[in-house]
C-alpha atoms as a PDB file:
ATOM      1  CA  UNK A   1      16.818   9.452   4.172  1.00  0.00           C
ATOM      2  CA  UNK A   2      18.043   6.469   5.509  1.00  0.00           C
ATOM      3  CA  UNK A   3      16.475   3.130   5.287  1.00  0.00           C
ATOM      4  CA  UNK A   4      17.083  -0.676   5.514  1.00  0.00           C
ATOM      5  CA  UNK A   5      17.376  -0.810   1.706  1.00  0.00           C
ATOM      6  CA  UNK A   6      20.362  -0.848  -0.405  1.00  0.00           C
ATOM      7  CA  UNK A   7      20.309   2.916  -2.113  1.00  0.00           C
ATOM      8  CA  UNK A   8      20.834   0.581  -5.045  1.00  0.00           C
ATOM      9  CA  UNK A   9      17.226  -0.611  -4.859  1.00  0.00           C
ATOM     10  CA  UNK A  10      15.371   2.771  -4.212  1.00  0.00           C
ATOM     11  CA  UNK A  11      16.687   6.261  -3.357  1.00  0.00           C
ATOM     12  CA  UNK A  12      13.992   7.369  -0.491  1.00  0.00           C
ATOM     13  CA  UNK A  13      13.151  11.473  -1.426  1.00  0.00           C
ATOM     14  CA  UNK A  14      12.050  11.865   2.268  1.00  0.00           C
ATOM     15  CA  UNK A  15      12.872  14.436   5.437  1.00  0.00           C
ATOM     16  CA  UNK A  16      14.864  12.629   8.427  1.00  0.00           C
ATOM     17  CA  UNK A  17      12.504  13.240  10.965  1.00  0.00           C
ATOM     18  CA  UNK A  18      13.833  10.877  13.474  1.00  0.00           C
ATOM     19  CA  UNK A  19      13.663  11.517  17.179  1.00  0.00           C
ATOM     20  CA  UNK A  20      11.650  14.668  16.444  1.00  0.00           C
ATOM     21  CA  UNK A  21       7.730  13.788  16.574  1.00  0.00           C
ATOM     22  CA  UNK A  22       6.662  11.485  19.873  1.00  0.00           C
ATOM     23  CA  UNK A  23       4.669   8.429  18.317  1.00  0.00           C
ATOM     24  CA  UNK A  24       1.161   7.902  19.741  1.00  0.00           C
ATOM     25  CA  UNK A  25      -0.886   4.609  20.072  1.00  0.00           C
ATOM     26  CA  UNK A  26      -3.663   3.318  18.266  1.00  0.00           C
ATOM     27  CA  UNK A  27      -6.434   4.409  20.295  1.00  0.00           C
ATOM     28  CA  UNK A  28      -5.361   8.002  20.853  1.00  0.00           C
ATOM     29  CA  UNK A  29      -4.234   8.645  17.039  1.00  0.00           C
ATOM     30  CA  UNK A  30      -8.651   7.197  16.000  1.00  0.00           C
ATOM     31  CA  UNK A  31     -10.081   9.376  18.068  1.00  0.00           C
ATOM     32  CA  UNK A  32      -7.400  12.505  17.003  1.00  0.00           C
ATOM     33  CA  UNK A  33      -8.678  11.312  13.040  1.00  0.00           C
ATOM     34  CA  UNK A  34     -11.926  11.136  13.721  1.00  0.00           C
ATOM     35  CA  UNK A  35     -12.208  14.324  15.681  1.00  0.00           C
ATOM     36  CA  UNK A  36     -10.773  15.823  12.792  1.00  0.00           C
ATOM     37  CA  UNK A  37      -6.661  15.492  13.256  1.00  0.00           C
ATOM     38  CA  UNK A  38      -4.880  14.472  10.280  1.00  0.00           C
ATOM     39  CA  UNK A  39      -3.648  11.392  10.227  1.00  0.00           C
ATOM     40  CA  UNK A  40      -0.172  12.714   8.996  1.00  0.00           C
ATOM     41  CA  UNK A  41       0.182  15.089  11.518  1.00  0.00           C
ATOM     42  CA  UNK A  42       0.741  11.911  13.994  1.00  0.00           C
ATOM     43  CA  UNK A  43       3.102   8.564  14.174  1.00  0.00           C
ATOM     44  CA  UNK A  44       2.136   5.518  15.686  1.00  0.00           C
ATOM     45  CA  UNK A  45       3.783   3.863  17.737  1.00  0.00           C
ATOM     46  CA  UNK A  46       5.946   1.076  16.207  1.00  0.00           C
ATOM     47  CA  UNK A  47       6.949  -2.647  17.918  1.00  0.00           C
ATOM     48  CA  UNK A  48       8.438  -5.382  16.883  1.00  0.00           C
ATOM     49  CA  UNK A  49       5.456  -7.793  15.388  1.00  0.00           C
ATOM     50  CA  UNK A  50       4.350  -9.873  18.331  1.00  0.00           C
ATOM     51  CA  UNK A  51       4.418 -13.790  16.985  1.00  0.00           C
ATOM     52  CA  UNK A  52       0.769 -13.242  16.171  1.00  0.00           C
ATOM     53  CA  UNK A  53       1.607 -10.765  13.711  1.00  0.00           C
ATOM     54  CA  UNK A  54       4.533 -12.813  12.661  1.00  0.00           C
ATOM     55  CA  UNK A  55       2.641 -15.796  12.411  1.00  0.00           C
ATOM     56  CA  UNK A  56      -0.232 -14.036   9.905  1.00  0.00           C
ATOM     57  CA  UNK A  57       2.107 -12.864   7.672  1.00  0.00           C
ATOM     58  CA  UNK A  58       4.353 -16.237   7.705  1.00  0.00           C
ATOM     59  CA  UNK A  59       0.845 -17.743   6.320  1.00  0.00           C
ATOM     60  CA  UNK A  60       0.200 -14.668   4.158  1.00  0.00           C
ATOM     61  CA  UNK A  61       3.987 -14.993   2.789  1.00  0.00           C
ATOM     62  CA  UNK A  62       3.734 -18.898   2.186  1.00  0.00           C
ATOM     63  CA  UNK A  63       0.006 -18.979   0.018  1.00  0.00           C
ATOM     64  CA  UNK A  64       0.518 -15.522  -1.442  1.00  0.00           C
ATOM     65  CA  UNK A  65       4.176 -15.885  -2.433  1.00  0.00           C
ATOM     66  CA  UNK A  66       3.431 -17.303  -5.499  1.00  0.00           C
ATOM     67  CA  UNK A  67       0.592 -15.127  -6.882  1.00  0.00           C
ATOM     68  CA  UNK A  68       2.282 -12.654  -6.182  1.00  0.00           C
ATOM     69  CA  UNK A  69       4.998 -13.099  -8.009  1.00  0.00           C
ATOM     70  CA  UNK A  70       3.542 -13.752 -10.637  1.00  0.00           C
ATOM     71  CA  UNK A  71       1.326 -10.152 -10.524  1.00  0.00           C
ATOM     72  CA  UNK A  72       4.634  -8.016 -10.440  1.00  0.00           C
ATOM     73  CA  UNK A  73       5.633 -10.376 -13.204  1.00  0.00           C
ATOM     74  CA  UNK A  74       3.043  -9.159 -15.579  1.00  0.00           C
ATOM     75  CA  UNK A  75       3.150  -6.171 -14.242  1.00  0.00           C
ATOM     76  CA  UNK A  76       6.418  -5.535 -15.198  1.00  0.00           C
ATOM     77  CA  UNK A  77       5.562  -6.600 -18.711  1.00  0.00           C
ATOM     78  CA  UNK A  78       2.411  -4.438 -19.022  1.00  0.00           C
ATOM     79  CA  UNK A  79       4.758  -1.728 -18.333  1.00  0.00           C
ATOM     80  CA  UNK A  80       7.476  -2.645 -20.508  1.00  0.00           C
ATOM     81  CA  UNK A  81       4.707  -3.276 -23.154  1.00  0.00           C
ATOM     82  CA  UNK A  82       2.630  -0.278 -22.945  1.00  0.00           C
ATOM     83  CA  UNK A  83       5.344   2.235 -21.372  1.00  0.00           C
ATOM     84  CA  UNK A  84       8.955   1.189 -22.821  1.00  0.00           C
ATOM     85  CA  UNK A  85      12.030   0.741 -21.449  1.00  0.00           C
ATOM     86  CA  UNK A  86      12.991   5.259 -21.009  1.00  0.00           C
ATOM     87  CA  UNK A  87      11.360   4.937 -17.759  1.00  0.00           C
ATOM     88  CA  UNK A  88      11.765   5.998 -14.123  1.00  0.00           C
ATOM     89  CA  UNK A  89       9.591   3.866 -11.147  1.00  0.00           C
ATOM     90  CA  UNK A  90       8.311   6.070  -8.503  1.00  0.00           C
ATOM     91  CA  UNK A  91       7.099   4.453  -5.732  1.00  0.00           C
ATOM     92  CA  UNK A  92       4.327   5.810  -3.109  1.00  0.00           C
ATOM     93  CA  UNK A  93       6.078   5.467  -0.139  1.00  0.00           C
ATOM     94  CA  UNK A  94       5.855   3.093   2.143  1.00  0.00           C
ATOM     95  CA  UNK A  95       3.523   0.088   1.124  1.00  0.00           C
ATOM     96  CA  UNK A  96       4.473   0.950  -3.060  1.00  0.00           C
ATOM     97  CA  UNK A  97       8.420   1.054  -2.347  1.00  0.00           C
ATOM     98  CA  UNK A  98       8.811  -2.731  -1.662  1.00  0.00           C
ATOM     99  CA  UNK A  99       6.368  -3.387  -4.968  1.00  0.00           C
ATOM    100  CA  UNK A 100       8.830  -1.221  -6.556  1.00  0.00           C
ATOM    101  CA  UNK A 101      11.863  -2.647  -5.786  1.00  0.00           C
ATOM    102  CA  UNK A 102      10.338  -5.932  -7.084  1.00  0.00           C
ATOM    103  CA  UNK A 103       9.057  -4.048 -10.602  1.00  0.00           C
ATOM    104  CA  UNK A 104      12.723  -3.055 -10.432  1.00  0.00           C
ATOM    105  CA  UNK A 105      14.278  -6.465 -10.011  1.00  0.00           C
ATOM    106  CA  UNK A 106      12.264  -8.072 -11.956  1.00  0.00           C
ATOM    107  CA  UNK A 107      12.585  -6.042 -15.117  1.00  0.00           C
ATOM    108  CA  UNK A 108      16.490  -5.799 -14.580  1.00  0.00           C
ATOM    109  CA  UNK A 109      16.636 -10.008 -14.717  1.00  0.00           C
ATOM    110  CA  UNK A 110      14.566 -10.229 -17.903  1.00  0.00           C
ATOM    111  CA  UNK A 111      14.396  -7.310 -19.508  1.00  0.00           C
ATOM    112  CA  UNK A 112      18.308  -6.318 -18.423  1.00  0.00           C
ATOM    113  CA  UNK A 113      17.080  -3.068 -17.283  1.00  0.00           C
ATOM    114  CA  UNK A 114      18.580  -0.925 -15.046  1.00  0.00           C
ATOM    115  CA  UNK A 115      15.444   1.272 -14.151  1.00  0.00           C
ATOM    116  CA  UNK A 116      15.975   4.186 -11.794  1.00  0.00           C
ATOM    117  CA  UNK A 117      13.936   4.031  -9.013  1.00  0.00           C
ATOM    118  CA  UNK A 118      12.878   6.755  -6.315  1.00  0.00           C
ATOM    119  CA  UNK A 119       9.856   6.756  -3.382  1.00  0.00           C
ATOM    120  CA  UNK A 120       7.947   9.658  -2.558  1.00  0.00           C
ATOM    121  CA  UNK A 121       5.097  10.796  -0.128  1.00  0.00           C
ATOM    122  CA  UNK A 122       1.508  11.278  -1.369  1.00  0.00           C
ATOM    123  CA  UNK A 123      -1.009  12.046   1.222  1.00  0.00           C
ATOM    124  CA  UNK A 124      -4.747  11.654   1.049  1.00  0.00           C
ATOM    125  CA  UNK A 125      -6.338  15.353   1.497  1.00  0.00           C
ATOM    126  CA  UNK A 126      -2.572  16.764   1.471  1.00  0.00           C
ATOM    127  CA  UNK A 127      -1.268  16.273  -1.332  1.00  0.00           C
ATOM    128  CA  UNK A 128       1.764  15.145  -3.818  1.00  0.00           C
ATOM    129  CA  UNK A 129       5.111  15.895  -1.967  1.00  0.00           C
ATOM    130  CA  UNK A 130       6.075  19.275  -4.223  1.00  0.00           C
ATOM    131  CA  UNK A 131       9.621  19.203  -3.677  1.00  0.00           C
ATOM    132  CA  UNK A 132      10.274  15.806  -4.603  1.00  0.00           C
ATOM    133  CA  UNK A 133       8.606  16.322  -7.796  1.00  0.00           C
ATOM    134  CA  UNK A 134      10.477  19.111  -8.329  1.00  0.00           C
ATOM    135  CA  UNK A 135      13.828  16.978  -7.617  1.00  0.00           C
ATOM    136  CA  UNK A 136      12.551  14.400  -9.949  1.00  0.00           C
ATOM    137  CA  UNK A 137      11.145  16.585 -13.033  1.00  0.00           C
ATOM    138  CA  UNK A 138      15.001  18.197 -12.845  1.00  0.00           C
ATOM    139  CA  UNK A 139      16.361  15.562 -13.535  1.00  0.00           C
ATOM    140  CA  UNK A 140      14.242  13.407 -15.595  1.00  0.00           C
ATOM    141  CA  UNK A 141      11.265  14.290 -18.392  1.00  0.00           C
ATOM    142  CA  UNK A 142       7.806  14.203 -17.335  1.00  0.00           C
ATOM    143  CA  UNK A 143       7.006  11.258 -19.794  1.00  0.00           C
ATOM    144  CA  UNK A 144       9.686   8.867 -18.158  1.00  0.00           C
ATOM    145  CA  UNK A 145       8.119   9.150 -14.838  1.00  0.00           C
ATOM    146  CA  UNK A 146       5.965   5.697 -13.704  1.00  0.00           C
ATOM    147  CA  UNK A 147       4.136   5.993 -10.571  1.00  0.00           C
ATOM    148  CA  UNK A 148       3.453   3.026  -8.305  1.00  0.00           C
ATOM    149  CA  UNK A 149       1.752   1.000  -5.643  1.00  0.00           C
ATOM    150  CA  UNK A 150       1.713  -1.771  -3.673  1.00  0.00           C
ATOM    151  CA  UNK A 151      -2.635  -2.445  -4.094  1.00  0.00           C
ATOM    152  CA  UNK A 152      -5.438  -0.195  -5.018  1.00  0.00           C
ATOM    153  CA  UNK A 153      -8.360  -0.163  -1.869  1.00  0.00           C
ATOM    154  CA  UNK A 154     -11.013   1.836  -3.034  1.00  0.00           C
ATOM    155  CA  UNK A 155      -8.868   4.246  -4.620  1.00  0.00           C
ATOM    156  CA  UNK A 156      -8.458   7.108  -2.889  1.00  0.00           C
ATOM    157  CA  UNK A 157      -4.658   7.285  -3.380  1.00  0.00           C
ATOM    158  CA  UNK A 158      -5.052   6.788  -6.770  1.00  0.00           C
ATOM    159  CA  UNK A 159      -7.285   9.916  -7.107  1.00  0.00           C
ATOM    160  CA  UNK A 160      -5.341  11.787  -5.695  1.00  0.00           C
ATOM    161  CA  UNK A 161      -2.791  11.270  -7.896  1.00  0.00           C
ATOM    162  CA  UNK A 162      -4.956  12.213 -10.563  1.00  0.00           C
ATOM    163  CA  UNK A 163      -5.315  15.549  -8.672  1.00  0.00           C
ATOM    164  CA  UNK A 164      -1.992  16.765  -7.977  1.00  0.00           C
ATOM    165  CA  UNK A 165      -0.553  15.512 -11.173  1.00  0.00           C
ATOM    166  CA  UNK A 166      -2.887  18.060 -13.310  1.00  0.00           C
ATOM    167  CA  UNK A 167      -0.163  20.318 -12.459  1.00  0.00           C
ATOM    168  CA  UNK A 168       2.588  18.718 -14.302  1.00  0.00           C
ATOM    169  CA  UNK A 169       2.030  18.632 -18.013  1.00  0.00           C
ATOM    170  CA  UNK A 170       3.325  15.593 -19.518  1.00  0.00           C
ATOM    171  CA  UNK A 171       3.384  13.209 -16.603  1.00  0.00           C
ATOM    172  CA  UNK A 172       0.808  10.200 -17.440  1.00  0.00           C
ATOM    173  CA  UNK A 173      -1.535  10.212 -14.416  1.00  0.00           C
ATOM    174  CA  UNK A 174      -1.558   6.442 -13.990  1.00  0.00           C
ATOM    175  CA  UNK A 175      -0.739   4.446 -11.259  1.00  0.00           C
ATOM    176  CA  UNK A 176       1.289   0.753 -11.822  1.00  0.00           C
ATOM    177  CA  UNK A 177      -0.251  -1.644  -8.439  1.00  0.00           C
ATOM    178  CA  UNK A 178       0.559  -5.394  -8.313  1.00  0.00           C
ATOM    179  CA  UNK A 179      -3.266  -6.099  -7.136  1.00  0.00           C
ATOM    180  CA  UNK A 180      -6.126  -3.671  -8.118  1.00  0.00           C
ATOM    181  CA  UNK A 181      -9.830  -5.455  -6.698  1.00  0.00           C
ATOM    182  CA  UNK A 182     -10.852  -1.900  -7.583  1.00  0.00           C
ATOM    183  CA  UNK A 183     -10.660  -2.180 -11.030  1.00  0.00           C
ATOM    184  CA  UNK A 184      -8.835   1.760 -11.054  1.00  0.00           C
ATOM    185  CA  UNK A 185      -6.184   1.010 -13.462  1.00  0.00           C
ATOM    186  CA  UNK A 186      -5.133  -0.905 -16.487  1.00  0.00           C
ATOM    187  CA  UNK A 187      -1.407  -1.375 -15.281  1.00  0.00           C
ATOM    188  CA  UNK A 188      -1.930  -4.039 -12.977  1.00  0.00           C
ATOM    189  CA  UNK A 189      -0.903  -7.497 -12.530  1.00  0.00           C
ATOM    190  CA  UNK A 190      -4.574  -8.581 -11.489  1.00  0.00           C
ATOM    191  CA  UNK A 191      -7.744  -7.385 -10.717  1.00  0.00           C
ATOM    192  CA  UNK A 192      -8.065  -9.694  -7.712  1.00  0.00           C
ATOM    193  CA  UNK A 193      -8.327  -9.347  -4.149  1.00  0.00           C
ATOM    194  CA  UNK A 194      -5.350 -10.923  -2.842  1.00  0.00           C
ATOM    195  CA  UNK A 195      -3.292 -10.672  -0.183  1.00  0.00           C
ATOM    196  CA  UNK A 196       0.247  -9.209   0.083  1.00  0.00           C
ATOM    197  CA  UNK A 197       1.856 -10.080   2.662  1.00  0.00           C
ATOM    198  CA  UNK A 198       3.599  -7.112   3.278  1.00  0.00           C
ATOM    199  CA  UNK A 199       0.479  -5.069   4.237  1.00  0.00           C
ATOM    200  CA  UNK A 200       0.201  -7.261   7.043  1.00  0.00           C
ATOM    201  CA  UNK A 201       3.234  -5.163   9.063  1.00  0.00           C
ATOM    202  CA  UNK A 202       4.849  -2.235   9.467  1.00  0.00           C
ATOM    203  CA  UNK A 203       8.112  -0.723   8.769  1.00  0.00           C
ATOM    204  CA  UNK A 204       9.832  -4.195   9.275  1.00  0.00           C
ATOM    205  CA  UNK A 205       8.503  -4.986   5.533  1.00  0.00           C
ATOM    206  CA  UNK A 206       9.176  -1.623   4.527  1.00  0.00           C
ATOM    207  CA  UNK A 207      12.789  -0.665   5.079  1.00  0.00           C
ATOM    208  CA  UNK A 208      12.233   0.567   9.013  1.00  0.00           C
ATOM    209  CA  UNK A 209      10.582   3.074   7.901  1.00  0.00           C
ATOM    210  CA  UNK A 210       7.518   5.219   9.235  1.00  0.00           C
ATOM    211  CA  UNK A 211       3.873   6.249   7.454  1.00  0.00           C
ATOM    212  CA  UNK A 212       5.087   9.655   6.258  1.00  0.00           C
ATOM    213  CA  UNK A 213       4.741  12.784   7.886  1.00  0.00           C
ATOM    214  CA  UNK A 214       3.615  16.736   7.552  1.00  0.00           C
ATOM    215  CA  UNK A 215       3.421  19.712  10.238  1.00  0.00           C
ATOM    216  CA  UNK A 216       4.415  22.689   9.787  1.00  0.00           C
ATOM    217  CA  UNK A 217       6.494  22.809  12.314  1.00  0.00           C
ATOM    218  CA  UNK A 218       9.065  20.208  11.420  1.00  0.00           C
ATOM    219  CA  UNK A 219       8.378  20.044   7.331  1.00  0.00           C
ATOM    220  CA  UNK A 220       9.706  23.366   6.227  1.00  0.00           C
ATOM    221  CA  UNK A 221       8.682  24.929   2.497  1.00  0.00           C
ATOM    222  CA  UNK A 222      11.926  23.467   0.900  1.00  0.00           C
ATOM    223  CA  UNK A 223      11.632  20.280   2.665  1.00  0.00           C
ATOM    224  CA  UNK A 224      10.493  16.856   1.088  1.00  0.00           C
ATOM    225  CA  UNK A 225       8.142  15.443   3.376  1.00  0.00           C
ATOM    226  CA  UNK A 226       9.534  13.615   6.765  1.00  0.00           C
ATOM    227  CA  UNK A 227       9.726   9.933   8.528  1.00  0.00           C
ATOM    228  CA  UNK A 228      11.282   8.199  10.958  1.00  0.00           C
ATOM    229  CA  UNK A 229      14.598   5.490  10.420  1.00  0.00           C
ATOM    230  CA  UNK A 230      13.361   2.607  13.080  1.00  0.00           C
ATOM    231  CA  UNK A 231      17.459   1.745  13.598  1.00  0.00           C
ATOM    232  CA  UNK A 232      16.427  -0.437  16.820  1.00  0.00           C
ATOM    233  CA  UNK A 233      14.119  -2.649  15.116  1.00  0.00           C
ATOM    234  CA  UNK A 234      16.906  -3.638  12.728  1.00  0.00           C
ATOM    235  CA  UNK A 235      17.002  -7.004  14.568  1.00  0.00           C
ATOM    236  CA  UNK A 236      13.222  -7.347  13.496  1.00  0.00           C
ATOM    237  CA  UNK A 237      13.687  -6.236  10.104  1.00  0.00           C
ATOM    238  CA  UNK A 238      11.698  -8.292   7.568  1.00  0.00           C
ATOM    239  CA  UNK A 239      12.396  -6.340   4.416  1.00  0.00           C
ATOM    240  CA  UNK A 240      14.737  -7.916   2.156  1.00  0.00           C
ATOM    241  CA  UNK A 241      13.142 -11.761   3.263  1.00  0.00           C
ATOM    242  CA  UNK A 242      10.066 -10.269   1.160  1.00  0.00           C
ATOM    243  CA  UNK A 243      11.270  -9.090  -1.255  1.00  0.00           C
ATOM    244  CA  UNK A 244      13.741 -12.528  -1.820  1.00  0.00           C
ATOM    245  CA  UNK A 245      10.789 -14.971  -1.414  1.00  0.00           C
ATOM    246  CA  UNK A 246       9.031 -13.097  -3.682  1.00  0.00           C
ATOM    247  CA  UNK A 247      11.842 -13.181  -6.553  1.00  0.00           C
ATOM    248  CA  UNK A 248      12.435 -16.906  -5.526  1.00  0.00           C
ATOM    249  CA  UNK A 249       9.116 -17.851  -7.575  1.00  0.00           C
ATOM    250  CA  UNK A 250       9.738 -14.893 -10.773  1.00  0.00           C
ATOM    251  CA  UNK A 251       8.725 -16.710 -13.721  1.00  0.00           C
ATOM    252  CA  UNK A 252      10.101 -14.996 -17.289  1.00  0.00           C
ATOM    253  CA  UNK A 253       8.160 -16.512 -19.529  1.00  0.00           C
ATOM    254  CA  UNK A 254       5.307 -15.289 -17.640  1.00  0.00           C
ATOM    255  CA  UNK A 255       3.261 -14.455 -20.324  1.00  0.00           C
ATOM    256  CA  UNK A 256       0.383 -11.247 -20.376  1.00  0.00           C
ATOM    257  CA  UNK A 257      -2.690 -13.641 -19.338  1.00  0.00           C
ATOM    258  CA  UNK A 258      -5.985 -11.227 -20.644  1.00  0.00           C
ATOM    259  CA  UNK A 259      -8.030 -10.698 -17.650  1.00  0.00           C
ATOM    260  CA  UNK A 260     -11.422 -11.201 -16.989  1.00  0.00           C
ATOM    261  CA  UNK A 261     -13.075  -8.214 -17.592  1.00  0.00           C
ATOM    262  CA  UNK A 262     -14.326  -7.031 -14.587  1.00  0.00           C
ATOM    263  CA  UNK A 263     -17.376  -4.304 -15.280  1.00  0.00           C
ATOM    264  CA  UNK A 264     -17.924  -1.157 -12.443  1.00  0.00           C
ATOM    265  CA  UNK A 265     -15.523  -0.108  -9.602  1.00  0.00           C
ATOM    266  CA  UNK A 266     -15.242  -0.935  -6.113  1.00  0.00           C
ATOM    267  CA  UNK A 267     -15.489   2.436  -4.987  1.00  0.00           C
ATOM    268  CA  UNK A 268     -19.483   1.922  -6.233  1.00  0.00           C
ATOM    269  CA  UNK A 269     -19.297  -0.435  -3.850  1.00  0.00           C
ATOM    270  CA  UNK A 270     -18.281   0.904  -1.132  1.00  0.00           C
ATOM    271  CA  UNK A 271     -21.009   4.235  -1.434  1.00  0.00           C
ATOM    272  CA  UNK A 272     -23.397   1.152  -1.346  1.00  0.00           C
ATOM    273  CA  UNK A 273     -21.990  -0.227   1.885  1.00  0.00           C
ATOM    274  CA  UNK A 274     -21.916   2.853   3.214  1.00  0.00           C
ATOM    275  CA  UNK A 275     -25.263   3.233   2.515  1.00  0.00           C
ATOM    276  CA  UNK A 276     -26.655  -0.117   4.272  1.00  0.00           C
ATOM    277  CA  UNK A 277     -24.482   0.514   7.586  1.00  0.00           C
ATOM    278  CA  UNK A 278     -25.397   4.162   7.763  1.00  0.00           C
ATOM    279  CA  UNK A 279     -21.164   5.038   7.542  1.00  0.00           C
ATOM    280  CA  UNK A 280     -21.370   8.887   6.455  1.00  0.00           C
ATOM    281  CA  UNK A 281     -17.281   8.268   6.446  1.00  0.00           C
ATOM    282  CA  UNK A 282     -16.057   6.257   3.598  1.00  0.00           C
ATOM    283  CA  UNK A 283     -12.208   6.595   5.398  1.00  0.00           C
ATOM    284  CA  UNK A 284     -13.678   4.227   7.465  1.00  0.00           C
ATOM    285  CA  UNK A 285     -14.331   1.113   5.277  1.00  0.00           C
ATOM    286  CA  UNK A 286     -11.850  -0.579   4.115  1.00  0.00           C
ATOM    287  CA  UNK A 287     -12.386  -3.222   1.424  1.00  0.00           C
ATOM    288  CA  UNK A 288      -9.812  -5.950   0.208  1.00  0.00           C
ATOM    289  CA  UNK A 289      -8.219  -8.401   2.016  1.00  0.00           C
ATOM    290  CA  UNK A 290      -4.900  -6.569   2.796  1.00  0.00           C
ATOM    291  CA  UNK A 291      -7.179  -3.162   3.442  1.00  0.00           C
ATOM    292  CA  UNK A 292      -9.196  -5.749   6.166  1.00  0.00           C
ATOM    293  CA  UNK A 293      -6.077  -7.415   7.621  1.00  0.00           C
ATOM    294  CA  UNK A 294      -4.909  -3.853   8.512  1.00  0.00           C
ATOM    295  CA  UNK A 295      -7.870  -3.154  10.322  1.00  0.00           C
ATOM    296  CA  UNK A 296      -8.140  -5.707  12.449  1.00  0.00           C
ATOM    297  CA  UNK A 297      -4.180  -5.243  13.510  1.00  0.00           C
ATOM    298  CA  UNK A 298      -3.777  -1.695  13.535  1.00  0.00           C
ATOM    299  CA  UNK A 299      -6.977  -0.101  13.548  1.00  0.00           C
ATOM    300  CA  UNK A 300      -9.742   0.054  15.752  1.00  0.00           C
ATOM    301  CA  UNK A 301     -12.852  -2.426  14.057  1.00  0.00           C
ATOM    302  CA  UNK A 302     -16.159  -2.540  14.162  1.00  0.00           C
ATOM    303  CA  UNK A 303     -17.246  -5.258  11.742  1.00  0.00           C
ATOM    304  CA  UNK A 304     -16.166  -7.732   9.754  1.00  0.00           C
ATOM    305  CA  UNK A 305     -18.109  -7.907   6.281  1.00  0.00           C
ATOM    306  CA  UNK A 306     -17.214 -11.171   4.424  1.00  0.00           C
ATOM    307  CA  UNK A 307     -18.226 -12.741   0.522  1.00  0.00           C
ATOM    308  CA  UNK A 308     -20.016 -15.564   1.510  1.00  0.00           C
ATOM    309  CA  UNK A 309     -18.303 -17.615  -1.503  1.00  0.00           C
ATOM    310  CA  UNK A 310     -15.055 -16.930   0.149  1.00  0.00           C
ATOM    311  CA  UNK A 311     -15.943 -17.114   3.642  1.00  0.00           C
ATOM    312  CA  UNK A 312     -14.848 -20.691   4.140  1.00  0.00           C
ATOM    313  CA  UNK A 313     -11.767 -19.994   2.251  1.00  0.00           C
ATOM    314  CA  UNK A 314      -8.079 -20.097   3.634  1.00  0.00           C
ATOM    315  CA  UNK A 315      -7.513 -16.589   2.136  1.00  0.00           C
ATOM    316  CA  UNK A 316      -9.671 -15.902   4.927  1.00  0.00           C
ATOM    317  CA  UNK A 317      -8.756 -18.045   7.639  1.00  0.00           C
ATOM    318  CA  UNK A 318      -6.336 -15.695   9.106  1.00  0.00           C
ATOM    319  CA  UNK A 319      -9.533 -12.741   9.252  1.00  0.00           C
ATOM    320  CA  UNK A 320     -11.887 -15.071  10.280  1.00  0.00           C
ATOM    321  CA  UNK A 321      -9.175 -15.827  13.440  1.00  0.00           C
ATOM    322  CA  UNK A 322      -8.473 -12.387  14.492  1.00  0.00           C
ATOM    323  CA  UNK A 323     -11.989 -11.040  13.941  1.00  0.00           C
ATOM    324  CA  UNK A 324     -12.837 -14.114  16.388  1.00  0.00           C
ATOM    325  CA  UNK A 325      -9.418 -13.157  19.105  1.00  0.00           C
ATOM    326  CA  UNK A 326     -10.611  -9.309  19.430  1.00  0.00           C
ATOM    327  CA  UNK A 327     -14.319  -9.988  19.355  1.00  0.00           C
ATOM    328  CA  UNK A 328     -14.853  -8.326  15.871  1.00  0.00           C
ATOM    329  CA  UNK A 329     -18.189  -9.579  14.745  1.00  0.00           C
ATOM    330  CA  UNK A 330     -18.367 -11.242  10.921  1.00  0.00           C
ATOM    331  CA  UNK A 331     -20.900 -10.862   8.645  1.00  0.00           C
ATOM    332  CA  UNK A 332     -21.647 -12.477   5.667  1.00  0.00           C
ATOM    333  CA  UNK A 333     -22.358 -10.108   2.703  1.00  0.00           C
ATOM    334  CA  UNK A 334     -22.419 -10.402  -1.122  1.00  0.00           C
ATOM    335  CA  UNK A 335     -19.232  -8.392  -2.838  1.00  0.00           C
ATOM    336  CA  UNK A 336     -18.809  -8.086  -6.406  1.00  0.00           C
ATOM    337  CA  UNK A 337     -14.870  -6.647  -6.353  1.00  0.00           C
ATOM    338  CA  UNK A 338     -13.577  -7.799  -2.807  1.00  0.00           C
ATOM    339  CA  UNK A 339     -13.488 -11.354  -0.692  1.00  0.00           C
ATOM    340  CA  UNK A 340     -13.950  -9.024   2.498  1.00  0.00           C
ATOM    341  CA  UNK A 341     -13.964  -5.675   3.768  1.00  0.00           C
ATOM    342  CA  UNK A 342     -13.038  -4.012   7.635  1.00  0.00           C
ATOM    343  CA  UNK A 343     -14.734  -1.576   9.027  1.00  0.00           C
ATOM    344  CA  UNK A 344     -13.482   1.510  11.316  1.00  0.00           C
ATOM    345  CA  UNK A 345     -15.562   1.503  15.004  1.00  0.00           C
ATOM    346  CA  UNK A 346     -16.767   5.198  14.930  1.00  0.00           C
ATOM    347  CA  UNK A 347     -14.971   6.834  18.280  1.00  0.00           C
ATOM    348  CA  UNK A 348     -17.716   8.394  19.118  1.00  0.00           C
ATOM    349  CA  UNK A 349     -19.518   5.068  19.973  1.00  0.00           C
ATOM    350  CA  UNK A 350     -16.349   3.949  21.903  1.00  0.00           C
END
């Protein structure tokens, strides 16, 4: 699968389905998803980022690049300490790919190790790409594989990964992430709810690759899961701008700071929110700054919950601004793991 990343940074184990799938607008997809069609059987229309998207992305990059770089450094150090040097990074396409590249670069610069890095598909409710796993296990020992993602929202993909990896003896089912406010993994740069700027954009910060796709009229039994390459967006590509900006803030004296112990799990908080707001499908609840940003930019939002401790904090300025522009109500709501939470509108209510 081609991408705008260098092959020396990542190899995508995906089938190129460019031109084979008609993308659909947001509201149409949302209605189909909530009517039971799986999100992986459709692709959204991807545009050149608007001025508003770019403004929010640049603001996030400026504000959070140092925090993100520090978290990448801590994560990389923890990986080497806990998993050793003989590892293979396997990032989860597509949000995990920039995270995998940043970890690869940090380890190469600090430890002088050129760690192999692949990106494969995992789809909530459909599982990990078995053909990609077969490819990797023909080349590496199970214990070498280390799965990487950008952040954990409530832990759905982490749960999917643990479930799927049960059929692969010897693979450690841990997931390594830059930020884990849900308190799922020890392999994280921070348990704080921080905004990783790449969450504000789509393919233009992820190697010009689409979301991964799985539908049996296009993906054969021996194929990798699919993705589209957006060649028409090449002039708007920010994939390496993001990598280079974070990398410029790397500090190789970065010591592993013992993080404050967080009790409980994000999913418990999500279940309480579901109960309090009469939401029967927790997939409509997207906790954390990154996920809330994505709900406001690319889904059909119902409301935003913001913790009162942070509502006047500049970390949530862009959330409040977007919500005001889209006429989405913001409610103050106390949270332990997250600073805010986006809730998707039930399409039956529109």
